[in-house]
Amino acid sequence: MAEQHRKVTLYLFLLAVFLFLVVIIVTRGYKETKASTEYSNATTKSVLQCNFFSFSVSKMSYGSGTLQLSISIRVTDESTAPKNFVIKTSDQQRRINIPYYLDFTAPVKIEDFIIDDRFTIYPEDCPQNRKECDIQQKSCVVA
């Protein structure tokens, strides 16, 4: 009888250890899955957000510290339209507020802006979509 009681106690102990390990494994698996899903959703949203529009720069002119250009934006969805652009040189950076419309061309004039030959322009939230522009050639290329 004592030996059977010992076996039952051993089985209950092993069952408790097994259940404890199952709880730990399930909990860690859930946390890892949740963290991975949150990271994936955040990364995917920011990357895709930059792919729903395109922009081009034209009509560039520069003189007496004033840069003038036109920014044309083609958007598939109004919610993804960039609201601000950044124009950057080696020494300066300016933020440009753009009207929030679908498929438009906006004239831009920036005063007191010193440019040697080149500047970079990109949507504020999507620096990976930047374009390098050359004032002398009056053209921009994807950087």
Protein backbone atom coordinates (compact mmCIF):
# COMPACT_ATOMS: atom_id res chain seq x y z
CA MET A 1 0.00 0.00 0.00
CA ALA A 2 2.81 2.37 0.83
CA GLU A 3 4.46 1.56 -2.49
CA GLN A 4 1.27 2.33 -4.41
CA HIS A 5 0.91 5.59 -2.49
CA ARG A 6 4.49 6.45 -3.47
CA LYS A 7 3.71 5.77 -7.17
CA VAL A 8 0.60 7.96 -7.06
CA THR A 9 2.61 10.74 -5.42
CA LEU A 10 5.33 10.42 -8.05
CA TYR A 11 2.75 10.52 -10.89
CA LEU A 12 1.08 13.58 -9.40
CA PHE A 13 4.45 15.28 -9.03
CA LEU A 14 5.38 14.49 -12.65
CA LEU A 15 1.94 15.68 -13.81
CA ALA A 16 2.44 18.97 -11.93
CA VAL A 17 5.90 19.43 -13.50
CA PHE A 18 4.45 18.65 -16.94
CA LEU A 19 1.59 21.14 -16.49
CA PHE A 20 4.03 23.78 -15.21
CA LEU A 21 6.23 23.33 -18.29
CA VAL A 22 3.21 23.48 -20.61
CA VAL A 23 2.09 26.76 -19.02
CA ILE A 24 5.58 28.26 -19.39
CA ILE A 25 5.94 27.15 -23.02
CA VAL A 26 2.47 28.38 -24.01
CA THR A 27 2.98 31.72 -22.25
CA ARG A 28 6.37 32.34 -23.87
CA GLY A 29 5.06 31.26 -27.27
CA TYR A 30 2.12 33.65 -26.97
CA LYS A 31 4.38 36.55 -25.97
CA GLU A 32 6.80 35.86 -28.84
CA THR A 33 3.97 35.59 -31.36
CA LYS A 34 2.35 38.79 -30.13
CA ALA A 35 5.63 40.74 -30.21
CA SER A 36 6.47 39.43 -33.66
CA THR A 37 3.01 40.31 -35.00
CA GLU A 38 3.14 43.83 -33.56
CA TYR A 39 6.59 44.45 -35.06
CA SER A 40 5.54 43.04 -38.40
CA ASN A 41 2.38 45.16 -38.53
CA ALA A 42 4.23 48.35 -37.61
CA THR A 43 7.03 47.73 -40.12
CA THR A 44 4.71 46.72 -42.94
CA LYS A 45 2.47 49.74 -42.45
CA SER A 46 5.35 52.21 -42.56
CA VAL A 47 6.90 50.59 -45.63
CA LEU A 48 3.65 50.29 -47.56
CA GLN A 49 2.61 53.81 -46.66
CA CYS A 50 5.48 55.13 -48.78
CA ASN A 51 4.50 53.06 -51.83
CA PHE A 52 1.02 54.48 -52.40
CA PHE A 53 2.20 57.72 -53.99
CA SER A 54 4.83 59.08 -56.30
CA PHE A 55 6.15 62.58 -56.81
CA SER A 56 8.22 64.48 -59.31
CA VAL A 57 9.98 67.82 -59.29
CA SER A 58 9.92 70.21 -62.25
CA LYS A 59 10.27 73.87 -63.21
CA MET A 60 13.30 74.40 -60.98
CA SER A 61 14.92 77.80 -60.81
CA TYR A 62 17.32 79.32 -58.33
CA GLY A 63 18.58 82.84 -57.96
CA SER A 64 19.39 85.35 -55.22
CA GLY A 65 18.86 82.75 -52.50
CA THR A 66 15.35 81.83 -53.68
CA LEU A 67 14.48 78.33 -54.87
CA GLN A 68 11.36 77.86 -56.97
CA LEU A 69 10.03 74.53 -58.15
CA SER A 70 6.86 72.53 -58.74
CA ILE A 71 6.08 69.29 -56.96
CA SER A 72 3.66 66.94 -58.71
CA ILE A 73 2.15 64.19 -56.61
CA ARG A 74 0.20 61.17 -57.82
CA VAL A 75 -1.66 59.39 -55.04
CA THR A 76 -3.78 56.24 -55.03
CA ASP A 77 -5.53 57.12 -51.77
CA GLU A 78 -6.00 60.48 -50.10
CA SER A 79 -5.08 59.06 -46.69
CA THR A 80 -1.58 58.21 -47.96
CA ALA A 81 -0.86 61.61 -49.52
CA PRO A 82 2.25 63.23 -48.02
CA LYS A 83 1.45 66.44 -46.17
CA ASN A 84 4.99 67.77 -45.83
CA PHE A 85 8.21 67.56 -47.79
CA VAL A 86 11.77 68.16 -46.67
CA ILE A 87 14.31 69.96 -48.84
CA LYS A 88 17.85 69.44 -47.66
CA THR A 89 21.28 70.70 -48.68
CA SER A 90 24.62 69.97 -47.07
CA ASP A 91 24.12 72.93 -44.70
CA GLN A 92 20.38 73.52 -44.38
CA GLN A 93 17.06 71.77 -44.16
CA ARG A 94 13.57 73.20 -44.75
CA ARG A 95 10.14 71.69 -44.20
CA ILE A 96 7.50 72.48 -46.83
CA ASN A 97 3.80 72.17 -46.11
CA ILE A 98 1.94 70.82 -49.16
CA PRO A 99 -1.84 71.04 -49.68
CA TYR A 100 -3.58 67.76 -49.02
CA TYR A 101 -5.17 66.80 -52.37
CA LEU A 102 -5.25 63.85 -54.71
CA ASP A 103 -3.09 64.13 -57.85
CA PHE A 104 -1.94 67.73 -57.89
CA THR A 105 0.96 70.00 -58.76
CA ALA A 106 2.02 72.56 -56.16
CA PRO A 107 4.31 75.51 -56.85
CA VAL A 108 6.89 75.98 -54.10
CA LYS A 109 8.99 79.05 -53.33
CA ILE A 110 11.67 79.00 -50.64
CA GLU A 111 13.46 82.22 -49.81
CA ASP A 112 16.80 82.63 -48.02
CA PHE A 113 17.90 79.14 -49.00
CA ILE A 114 21.53 78.71 -50.02
CA ILE A 115 22.22 75.91 -52.53
CA ASP A 116 25.57 75.10 -54.10
CA ASP A 117 24.48 72.85 -56.96
CA ARG A 118 22.42 70.06 -55.49
CA PHE A 119 19.64 69.45 -52.99
CA THR A 120 17.62 66.48 -51.78
CA ILE A 121 13.84 66.40 -51.54
CA TYR A 122 11.65 63.75 -49.92
CA PRO A 123 8.31 63.31 -48.15
CA GLU A 124 8.77 63.96 -44.45
CA ASP A 125 7.59 60.49 -43.38
CA CYS A 126 9.36 58.62 -46.19
CA PRO A 127 13.05 59.57 -46.41
CA GLN A 128 13.70 56.41 -48.42
CA ASN A 129 11.76 58.04 -51.32
CA ARG A 130 14.28 60.84 -51.72
CA LYS A 131 15.35 62.47 -54.95
CA GLU A 132 18.64 64.24 -55.63
CA CYS A 133 18.14 67.37 -57.72
CA ASP A 134 20.73 69.34 -59.67
CA ILE A 135 20.03 73.05 -60.15
CA GLN A 136 22.36 73.41 -63.15
CA GLN A 137 20.80 70.53 -65.06
CA LYS A 138 17.30 71.26 -63.71
CA SER A 139 16.66 67.56 -63.16
CA CYS A 140 16.16 65.11 -60.33
CA VAL A 141 17.06 61.44 -60.00
CA VAL A 142 15.97 58.85 -57.47
CA ALA A 143 18.66 58.62 -54.80
